[in-house]
PDB file of N, CA and C in Angstrom:
ATOM      1  N   UNK A   1     105.354 111.094 134.302  1.00  0.00           N
ATOM      2  CA  UNK A   1     104.337 112.075 134.632  1.00  0.00           C
ATOM      3  C   UNK A   1     103.126 111.931 133.692  1.00  0.00           C
ATOM      4  N   UNK A   2     103.368 111.753 132.382  1.00  0.00           N
ATOM      5  CA  UNK A   2     102.261 111.645 131.439  1.00  0.00           C
ATOM      6  C   UNK A   2     101.450 110.374 131.670  1.00  0.00           C
ATOM      7  N   UNK A   3     102.112 109.288 131.967  1.00  0.00           N
ATOM      8  CA  UNK A   3     101.402 108.025 132.167  1.00  0.00           C
ATOM      9  C   UNK A   3     100.455 108.106 133.359  1.00  0.00           C
ATOM     10  N   UNK A   4     100.810 108.849 134.374  1.00  0.00           N
ATOM     11  CA  UNK A   4      99.961 108.997 135.554  1.00  0.00           C
ATOM     12  C   UNK A   4      98.683 109.767 135.238  1.00  0.00           C
ATOM     13  N   UNK A   5      98.692 110.569 134.187  1.00  0.00           N
ATOM     14  CA  UNK A   5      97.517 111.365 133.824  1.00  0.00           C
ATOM     15  C   UNK A   5      96.500 110.582 133.000  1.00  0.00           C
ATOM     16  N   UNK A   6      96.864 109.405 132.518  1.00  0.00           N
ATOM     17  CA  UNK A   6      95.973 108.628 131.666  1.00  0.00           C
ATOM     18  C   UNK A   6      94.854 107.985 132.472  1.00  0.00           C
ATOM     19  N   UNK A   7      93.732 107.763 131.818  1.00  0.00           N
ATOM     20  CA  UNK A   7      92.646 106.991 132.401  1.00  0.00           C
ATOM     21  C   UNK A   7      93.117 105.545 132.568  1.00  0.00           C
ATOM     22  N   UNK A   8      92.370 104.762 133.306  1.00  0.00           N
ATOM     23  CA  UNK A   8      92.683 103.348 133.446  1.00  0.00           C
ATOM     24  C   UNK A   8      92.685 102.716 132.054  1.00  0.00           C
ATOM     25  N   UNK A   9      93.711 101.977 131.760  1.00  0.00           N
ATOM     26  CA  UNK A   9      93.941 101.350 130.460  1.00  0.00           C
ATOM     27  C   UNK A   9      94.067 102.376 129.333  1.00  0.00           C
ATOM     28  N   UNK A  10      94.439 103.616 129.675  1.00  0.00           N
ATOM     29  CA  UNK A  10      94.661 104.658 128.680  1.00  0.00           C
ATOM     30  C   UNK A  10      95.895 104.351 127.847  1.00  0.00           C
ATOM     31  N   UNK A  11      96.021 105.042 126.730  1.00  0.00           N
ATOM     32  CA  UNK A  11      97.135 104.795 125.806  1.00  0.00           C
ATOM     33  C   UNK A  11      97.941 106.069 125.605  1.00  0.00           C
ATOM     34  N   UNK A  12      99.245 105.959 125.724  1.00  0.00           N
ATOM     35  CA  UNK A  12     100.174 107.041 125.403  1.00  0.00           C
ATOM     36  C   UNK A  12     100.855 106.654 124.102  1.00  0.00           C
ATOM     37  N   UNK A  13     100.541 107.379 123.041  1.00  0.00           N
ATOM     38  CA  UNK A  13     101.096 107.080 121.725  1.00  0.00           C
ATOM     39  C   UNK A  13     101.998 108.240 121.313  1.00  0.00           C
ATOM     40  N   UNK A  14     103.242 107.947 121.048  1.00  0.00           N
ATOM     41  CA  UNK A  14     104.185 108.956 120.598  1.00  0.00           C
ATOM     42  C   UNK A  14     104.123 109.030 119.074  1.00  0.00           C
ATOM     43  N   UNK A  15     103.812 110.217 118.566  1.00  0.00           N
ATOM     44  CA  UNK A  15     103.775 110.439 117.121  1.00  0.00           C
ATOM     45  C   UNK A  15     104.862 111.452 116.802  1.00  0.00           C
ATOM     46  N   UNK A  16     105.792 111.074 116.000  1.00  0.00           N
ATOM     47  CA  UNK A  16     106.912 111.936 115.691  1.00  0.00           C
ATOM     48  C   UNK A  16     108.129 111.516 116.483  1.00  0.00           C
ATOM     49  N   UNK A  17     109.212 112.158 116.206  1.00  0.00           N
ATOM     50  CA  UNK A  17     110.466 111.827 116.858  1.00  0.00           C
ATOM     51  C   UNK A  17     110.940 113.028 117.668  1.00  0.00           C
ATOM     52  N   UNK A  18     111.088 112.872 118.986  1.00  0.00           N
ATOM     53  CA  UNK A  18     111.540 114.007 119.806  1.00  0.00           C
ATOM     54  C   UNK A  18     113.004 114.332 119.549  1.00  0.00           C
ATOM     55  N   UNK A  19     113.378 115.575 119.817  1.00  0.00           N
ATOM     56  CA  UNK A  19     114.768 116.006 119.654  1.00  0.00           C
ATOM     57  C   UNK A  19     115.668 115.429 120.736  1.00  0.00           C
ATOM     58  N   UNK A  20     115.074 115.159 121.905  1.00  0.00           N
ATOM     59  CA  UNK A  20     115.841 114.660 123.038  1.00  0.00           C
ATOM     60  C   UNK A  20     115.334 113.269 123.412  1.00  0.00           C
ATOM     61  N   UNK A  21     116.146 112.482 124.103  1.00  0.00           N
ATOM     62  CA  UNK A  21     115.685 111.151 124.517  1.00  0.00           C
ATOM     63  C   UNK A  21     114.469 111.232 125.429  1.00  0.00           C
ATOM     64  N   UNK A  22     113.599 110.248 125.322  1.00  0.00           N
ATOM     65  CA  UNK A  22     112.460 110.168 126.230  1.00  0.00           C
ATOM     66  C   UNK A  22     112.964 109.815 127.619  1.00  0.00           C
ATOM     67  N   UNK A  23     112.233 110.224 128.665  1.00  0.00           N
ATOM     68  CA  UNK A  23     112.667 109.857 130.014  1.00  0.00           C
ATOM     69  C   UNK A  23     112.596 108.343 130.214  1.00  0.00           C
ATOM     70  N   UNK A  24     113.421 107.849 131.125  1.00  0.00           N
ATOM     71  CA  UNK A  24     113.422 106.423 131.435  1.00  0.00           C
ATOM     72  C   UNK A  24     112.074 106.039 132.039  1.00  0.00           C
ATOM     73  N   UNK A  25     111.534 104.909 131.615  1.00  0.00           N
ATOM     74  CA  UNK A  25     110.255 104.418 132.120  1.00  0.00           C
ATOM     75  C   UNK A  25     110.514 103.096 132.836  1.00  0.00           C
ATOM     76  N   UNK A  26     110.003 103.017 134.046  1.00  0.00           N
ATOM     77  CA  UNK A  26     110.146 101.796 134.838  1.00  0.00           C
ATOM     78  C   UNK A  26     108.868 100.976 134.699  1.00  0.00           C
ATOM     79  N   UNK A  27     108.964  99.672 134.827  1.00  0.00           N
ATOM     80  CA  UNK A  27     107.799  98.792 134.710  1.00  0.00           C
ATOM     81  C   UNK A  27     106.710  99.187 135.694  1.00  0.00           C
ATOM     82  N   UNK A  28     107.095  99.647 136.872  1.00  0.00           N
ATOM     83  CA  UNK A  28     106.120 100.032 137.896  1.00  0.00           C
ATOM     84  C   UNK A  28     105.256 101.209 137.433  1.00  0.00           C
ATOM     85  N   UNK A  29     105.749 102.027 136.517  1.00  0.00           N
ATOM     86  CA  UNK A  29     105.001 103.186 136.024  1.00  0.00           C
ATOM     87  C   UNK A  29     103.712 102.780 135.309  1.00  0.00           C
ATOM     88  N   UNK A  30     103.656 101.549 134.803  1.00  0.00           N
ATOM     89  CA  UNK A  30     102.466 101.077 134.087  1.00  0.00           C
ATOM     90  C   UNK A  30     101.444 100.447 135.035  1.00  0.00           C
ATOM     91  N   UNK A  31     101.851 100.110 136.239  1.00  0.00           N
ATOM     92  CA  UNK A  31     101.017  99.346 137.159  1.00  0.00           C
ATOM     93  C   UNK A  31      99.850 100.150 137.711  1.00  0.00           C
ATOM     94  N   UNK A  32     100.054 101.421 138.001  1.00  0.00           N
ATOM     95  CA  UNK A  32      99.042 102.215 138.703  1.00  0.00           C
ATOM     96  C   UNK A  32      97.697 102.265 137.979  1.00  0.00           C
ATOM     97  N   UNK A  33      97.711 102.441 136.670  1.00  0.00           N
ATOM     98  CA  UNK A  33      96.452 102.541 135.933  1.00  0.00           C
ATOM     99  C   UNK A  33      96.364 101.567 134.759  1.00  0.00           C
ATOM    100  N   UNK A  34      97.300 100.655 134.655  1.00  0.00           N
ATOM    101  CA  UNK A  34      97.262  99.656 133.589  1.00  0.00           C
ATOM    102  C   UNK A  34      97.346 100.267 132.208  1.00  0.00           C
ATOM    103  N   UNK A  35      98.125 101.337 132.076  1.00  0.00           N
ATOM    104  CA  UNK A  35      98.180 102.056 130.804  1.00  0.00           C
ATOM    105  C   UNK A  35      99.071 101.335 129.790  1.00  0.00           C
ATOM    106  N   UNK A  36      98.988 101.791 128.566  1.00  0.00           N
ATOM    107  CA  UNK A  36      99.751 101.241 127.453  1.00  0.00           C
ATOM    108  C   UNK A  36     100.602 102.344 126.846  1.00  0.00           C
ATOM    109  N   UNK A  37     101.742 101.980 126.288  1.00  0.00           N
ATOM    110  CA  UNK A  37     102.608 102.944 125.627  1.00  0.00           C
ATOM    111  C   UNK A  37     102.968 102.408 124.250  1.00  0.00           C
ATOM    112  N   UNK A  38     102.923 103.274 123.254  1.00  0.00           N
ATOM    113  CA  UNK A  38     103.232 102.826 121.910  1.00  0.00           C
ATOM    114  C   UNK A  38     103.688 103.972 121.031  1.00  0.00           C
ATOM    115  N   UNK A  39     103.891 103.665 119.788  1.00  0.00           N
ATOM    116  CA  UNK A  39     104.314 104.660 118.819  1.00  0.00           C
ATOM    117  C   UNK A  39     103.516 104.520 117.541  1.00  0.00           C
ATOM    118  N   UNK A  40     103.617 105.509 116.694  1.00  0.00           N
ATOM    119  CA  UNK A  40     102.897 105.501 115.433  1.00  0.00           C
ATOM    120  C   UNK A  40     103.879 105.745 114.296  1.00  0.00           C
ATOM    121  N   UNK A  41     103.741 104.953 113.245  1.00  0.00           N
ATOM    122  CA  UNK A  41     104.573 105.127 112.062  1.00  0.00           C
ATOM    123  C   UNK A  41     104.218 106.453 111.405  1.00  0.00           C
ATOM    124  N   UNK A  42     105.186 107.280 111.208  1.00  0.00           N
ATOM    125  CA  UNK A  42     104.951 108.600 110.633  1.00  0.00           C
ATOM    126  C   UNK A  42     104.739 108.499 109.133  1.00  0.00           C
ATOM    127  N   UNK A  43     105.465 107.638 108.490  1.00  0.00           N
ATOM    128  CA  UNK A  43     105.385 107.524 107.043  1.00  0.00           C
ATOM    129  C   UNK A  43     106.375 108.472 106.388  1.00  0.00           C
ATOM    130  N   UNK A  44     106.607 108.222 105.134  1.00  0.00           N
ATOM    131  CA  UNK A  44     107.540 109.087 104.411  1.00  0.00           C
ATOM    132  C   UNK A  44     106.762 109.920 103.394  1.00  0.00           C
ATOM    133  N   UNK A  45     107.462 110.761 102.673  1.00  0.00           N
ATOM    134  CA  UNK A  45     106.808 111.665 101.722  1.00  0.00           C
ATOM    135  C   UNK A  45     106.048 110.888 100.644  1.00  0.00           C
ATOM    136  N   UNK A  46     106.646 109.810 100.137  1.00  0.00           N
ATOM    137  CA  UNK A  46     105.989 109.004  99.098  1.00  0.00           C
ATOM    138  C   UNK A  46     104.664 108.436  99.618  1.00  0.00           C
ATOM    139  N   UNK A  47     104.669 107.892 100.848  1.00  0.00           N
ATOM    140  CA  UNK A  47     103.438 107.332 101.418  1.00  0.00           C
ATOM    141  C   UNK A  47     102.388 108.410 101.652  1.00  0.00           C
ATOM    142  N   UNK A  48     102.818 109.587 102.087  1.00  0.00           N
ATOM    143  CA  UNK A  48     101.879 110.687 102.316  1.00  0.00           C
ATOM    144  C   UNK A  48     101.219 111.113 101.002  1.00  0.00           C
ATOM    145  N   UNK A  49     102.009 111.218  99.939  1.00  0.00           N
ATOM    146  CA  UNK A  49     101.467 111.610  98.631  1.00  0.00           C
ATOM    147  C   UNK A  49     100.498 110.540  98.124  1.00  0.00           C
ATOM    148  N   UNK A  50     100.846 109.257  98.285  1.00  0.00           N
ATOM    149  CA  UNK A  50      99.944 108.171  97.875  1.00  0.00           C
ATOM    150  C   UNK A  50      98.615 108.256  98.629  1.00  0.00           C
ATOM    151  N   UNK A  51      98.683 108.524  99.927  1.00  0.00           N
ATOM    152  CA  UNK A  51      97.471 108.621 100.741  1.00  0.00           C
ATOM    153  C   UNK A  51      96.613 109.807 100.300  1.00  0.00           C
ATOM    154  N   UNK A  52      97.241 110.950 100.045  1.00  0.00           N
ATOM    155  CA  UNK A  52      96.487 112.121  99.598  1.00  0.00           C
ATOM    156  C   UNK A  52      95.879 111.897  98.218  1.00  0.00           C
ATOM    157  N   UNK A  53      96.610 111.246  97.317  1.00  0.00           N
ATOM    158  CA  UNK A  53      96.078 110.935  95.986  1.00  0.00           C
ATOM    159  C   UNK A  53      94.885 109.988  96.078  1.00  0.00           C
ATOM    160  N   UNK A  54      94.981 108.981  96.941  1.00  0.00           N
ATOM    161  CA  UNK A  54      93.860 108.058  97.132  1.00  0.00           C
ATOM    162  C   UNK A  54      92.637 108.796  97.676  1.00  0.00           C
ATOM    163  N   UNK A  55      92.849 109.656  98.660  1.00  0.00           N
ATOM    164  CA  UNK A  55      91.737 110.421  99.226  1.00  0.00           C
ATOM    165  C   UNK A  55      91.092 111.307  98.157  1.00  0.00           C
ATOM    166  N   UNK A  56      91.909 111.944  97.329  1.00  0.00           N
ATOM    167  CA  UNK A  56      91.372 112.800  96.262  1.00  0.00           C
ATOM    168  C   UNK A  56      90.613 111.970  95.237  1.00  0.00           C
ATOM    169  N   UNK A  57      91.151 110.815  94.855  1.00  0.00           N
ATOM    170  CA  UNK A  57      90.506 109.963  93.847  1.00  0.00           C
ATOM    171  C   UNK A  57      89.170 109.416  94.342  1.00  0.00           C
ATOM    172  N   UNK A  58      89.072 109.121  95.625  1.00  0.00           N
ATOM    173  CA  UNK A  58      87.842 108.549  96.193  1.00  0.00           C
ATOM    174  C   UNK A  58      86.903 109.613  96.757  1.00  0.00           C
ATOM    175  N   UNK A  59      87.315 110.883  96.675  1.00  0.00           N
ATOM    176  CA  UNK A  59      86.468 111.968  97.172  1.00  0.00           C
ATOM    177  C   UNK A  59      86.343 111.986  98.694  1.00  0.00           C
ATOM    178  N   UNK A  60      87.363 111.513  99.369  1.00  0.00           N
ATOM    179  CA  UNK A  60      87.341 111.468 100.834  1.00  0.00           C
ATOM    180  C   UNK A  60      87.671 112.847 101.377  1.00  0.00           C
ATOM    181  N   UNK A  61      86.830 113.341 102.260  1.00  0.00           N
ATOM    182  CA  UNK A  61      87.024 114.660 102.854  1.00  0.00           C
ATOM    183  C   UNK A  61      86.991 114.513 104.376  1.00  0.00           C
ATOM    184  N   UNK A  62      87.637 115.433 105.092  1.00  0.00           N
ATOM    185  CA  UNK A  62      87.603 115.354 106.554  1.00  0.00           C
ATOM    186  C   UNK A  62      86.214 115.702 107.081  1.00  0.00           C
ATOM    187  N   UNK A  63      85.849 115.126 108.226  1.00  0.00           N
ATOM    188  CA  UNK A  63      84.582 115.427 108.874  1.00  0.00           C
ATOM    189  C   UNK A  63      84.840 116.546 109.863  1.00  0.00           C
ATOM    190  N   UNK A  64      84.484 117.744 109.467  1.00  0.00           N
ATOM    191  CA  UNK A  64      84.731 118.909 110.308  1.00  0.00           C
ATOM    192  C   UNK A  64      83.492 119.778 110.366  1.00  0.00           C
ATOM    193  N   UNK A  65      83.475 120.639 111.348  1.00  0.00           N
ATOM    194  CA  UNK A  65      82.468 121.687 111.446  1.00  0.00           C
ATOM    195  C   UNK A  65      83.234 122.992 111.523  1.00  0.00           C
ATOM    196  N   UNK A  66      82.946 123.912 110.638  1.00  0.00           N
ATOM    197  CA  UNK A  66      83.654 125.185 110.620  1.00  0.00           C
ATOM    198  C   UNK A  66      82.846 126.238 111.353  1.00  0.00           C
ATOM    199  N   UNK A  67      83.520 127.004 112.197  1.00  0.00           N
ATOM    200  CA  UNK A  67      82.920 128.131 112.901  1.00  0.00           C
ATOM    201  C   UNK A  67      83.810 129.341 112.699  1.00  0.00           C
ATOM    202  N   UNK A  68      83.223 130.543 112.591  1.00  0.00           N
ATOM    203  CA  UNK A  68      84.072 131.732 112.479  1.00  0.00           C
ATOM    204  C   UNK A  68      84.813 131.974 113.796  1.00  0.00           C
ATOM    205  N   UNK A  69      85.942 132.634 113.697  1.00  0.00           N
ATOM    206  CA  UNK A  69      86.770 132.904 114.868  1.00  0.00           C
ATOM    207  C   UNK A  69      85.993 133.638 115.961  1.00  0.00           C
ATOM    208  N   UNK A  70      85.010 134.453 115.570  1.00  0.00           N
ATOM    209  CA  UNK A  70      84.232 135.189 116.575  1.00  0.00           C
ATOM    210  C   UNK A  70      83.435 134.250 117.481  1.00  0.00           C
ATOM    211  N   UNK A  71      83.224 133.012 117.045  1.00  0.00           N
ATOM    212  CA  UNK A  71      82.493 132.028 117.845  1.00  0.00           C
ATOM    213  C   UNK A  71      83.429 131.066 118.584  1.00  0.00           C
ATOM    214  N   UNK A  72      84.685 131.494 118.807  1.00  0.00           N
ATOM    215  CA  UNK A  72      85.663 130.627 119.471  1.00  0.00           C
ATOM    216  C   UNK A  72      85.196 130.222 120.868  1.00  0.00           C
ATOM    217  N   UNK A  73      84.603 131.150 121.615  1.00  0.00           N
ATOM    218  CA  UNK A  73      84.121 130.832 122.963  1.00  0.00           C
ATOM    219  C   UNK A  73      83.052 129.740 122.901  1.00  0.00           C
ATOM    220  N   UNK A  74      82.136 129.838 121.939  1.00  0.00           N
ATOM    221  CA  UNK A  74      81.102 128.813 121.757  1.00  0.00           C
ATOM    222  C   UNK A  74      81.751 127.460 121.447  1.00  0.00           C
ATOM    223  N   UNK A  75      82.784 127.468 120.622  1.00  0.00           N
ATOM    224  CA  UNK A  75      83.468 126.225 120.273  1.00  0.00           C
ATOM    225  C   UNK A  75      84.101 125.591 121.508  1.00  0.00           C
ATOM    226  N   UNK A  76      84.761 126.394 122.338  1.00  0.00           N
ATOM    227  CA  UNK A  76      85.386 125.880 123.558  1.00  0.00           C
ATOM    228  C   UNK A  76      84.320 125.304 124.487  1.00  0.00           C
ATOM    229  N   UNK A  77      83.212 126.009 124.647  1.00  0.00           N
ATOM    230  CA  UNK A  77      82.135 125.517 125.511  1.00  0.00           C
ATOM    231  C   UNK A  77      81.559 124.199 124.998  1.00  0.00           C
ATOM    232  N   UNK A  78      81.434 124.070 123.689  1.00  0.00           N
ATOM    233  CA  UNK A  78      80.924 122.817 123.113  1.00  0.00           C
ATOM    234  C   UNK A  78      81.893 121.668 123.333  1.00  0.00           C
ATOM    235  N   UNK A  79      83.179 121.947 123.241  1.00  0.00           N
ATOM    236  CA  UNK A  79      84.174 120.905 123.515  1.00  0.00           C
ATOM    237  C   UNK A  79      84.048 120.459 124.965  1.00  0.00           C
ATOM    238  N   UNK A  80      83.915 121.401 125.883  1.00  0.00           N
ATOM    239  CA  UNK A  80      83.780 121.069 127.304  1.00  0.00           C
ATOM    240  C   UNK A  80      82.514 120.252 127.572  1.00  0.00           C
ATOM    241  N   UNK A  81      81.441 120.523 126.821  1.00  0.00           N
ATOM    242  CA  UNK A  81      80.183 119.772 126.984  1.00  0.00           C
ATOM    243  C   UNK A  81      80.184 118.456 126.213  1.00  0.00           C
ATOM    244  N   UNK A  82      81.264 118.186 125.499  1.00  0.00           N
ATOM    245  CA  UNK A  82      81.351 116.997 124.647  1.00  0.00           C
ATOM    246  C   UNK A  82      80.260 117.014 123.572  1.00  0.00           C
ATOM    247  N   UNK A  83      80.034 118.195 123.009  1.00  0.00           N
ATOM    248  CA  UNK A  83      78.985 118.411 122.028  1.00  0.00           C
ATOM    249  C   UNK A  83      79.566 118.596 120.620  1.00  0.00           C
ATOM    250  N   UNK A  84      80.769 118.075 120.392  1.00  0.00           N
ATOM    251  CA  UNK A  84      81.412 118.192 119.084  1.00  0.00           C
ATOM    252  C   UNK A  84      81.437 116.813 118.464  1.00  0.00           C
ATOM    253  N   UNK A  85      80.824 116.675 117.313  1.00  0.00           N
ATOM    254  CA  UNK A  85      80.728 115.353 116.679  1.00  0.00           C
ATOM    255  C   UNK A  85      82.082 114.869 116.162  1.00  0.00           C
ATOM    256  N   UNK A  86      82.808 115.732 115.448  1.00  0.00           N
ATOM    257  CA  UNK A  86      84.084 115.310 114.877  1.00  0.00           C
ATOM    258  C   UNK A  86      85.168 116.296 115.291  1.00  0.00           C
ATOM    259  N   UNK A  87      85.299 117.391 114.578  1.00  0.00           N
ATOM    260  CA  UNK A  87      86.320 118.384 114.887  1.00  0.00           C
ATOM    261  C   UNK A  87      85.793 119.751 114.493  1.00  0.00           C
ATOM    262  N   UNK A  88      86.023 120.741 115.333  1.00  0.00           N
ATOM    263  CA  UNK A  88      85.650 122.113 115.010  1.00  0.00           C
ATOM    264  C   UNK A  88      86.896 122.826 114.490  1.00  0.00           C
ATOM    265  N   UNK A  89      86.748 123.482 113.369  1.00  0.00           N
ATOM    266  CA  UNK A  89      87.817 124.279 112.775  1.00  0.00           C
ATOM    267  C   UNK A  89      87.385 125.735 112.835  1.00  0.00           C
ATOM    268  N   UNK A  90      88.224 126.583 113.424  1.00  0.00           N
ATOM    269  CA  UNK A  90      87.924 128.009 113.459  1.00  0.00           C
ATOM    270  C   UNK A  90      88.470 128.657 112.198  1.00  0.00           C
ATOM    271  N   UNK A  91      87.604 129.394 111.504  1.00  0.00           N
ATOM    272  CA  UNK A  91      88.007 130.030 110.261  1.00  0.00           C
ATOM    273  C   UNK A  91      88.175 131.538 110.486  1.00  0.00           C
ATOM    274  N   UNK A  92      89.072 132.126 109.717  1.00  0.00           N
ATOM    275  CA  UNK A  92      89.344 133.556 109.814  1.00  0.00           C
ATOM    276  C   UNK A  92      88.115 134.335 109.387  1.00  0.00           C
ATOM    277  N   UNK A  93      87.688 135.297 110.191  1.00  0.00           N
ATOM    278  CA  UNK A  93      86.501 136.080 109.839  1.00  0.00           C
ATOM    279  C   UNK A  93      86.790 137.580 109.859  1.00  0.00           C
ATOM    280  N   UNK A  94      88.060 137.945 109.582  1.00  0.00           N
ATOM    281  CA  UNK A  94      88.420 139.362 109.518  1.00  0.00           C
ATOM    282  C   UNK A  94      87.903 139.953 108.228  1.00  0.00           C
ATOM    283  N   UNK A  95      87.447 141.186 108.330  1.00  0.00           N
ATOM    284  CA  UNK A  95      86.931 141.861 107.128  1.00  0.00           C
ATOM    285  C   UNK A  95      88.001 142.633 106.420  1.00  0.00           C
TER     286      UNK A  95
END
């Protein structure tokens, strides 16, 4: 079902390990849109800590735009218009 939703030559990448087995995939399932299926190495705790330490040492920060929660509708509309450069993060704006 997921492969059918992909664009032509789209990619289905599994990140993480599911609790249950993945459904059986037949070769014909890839033919309709020429999609690709793959996985991503999750890494272990040691690798995650090394990556975070490297990011901190090099001053690497995420590229985000923060908006207050009251502007959530504006954020959704911008996503629909493809007007988001990187990622919008909604921040708590309760008084």
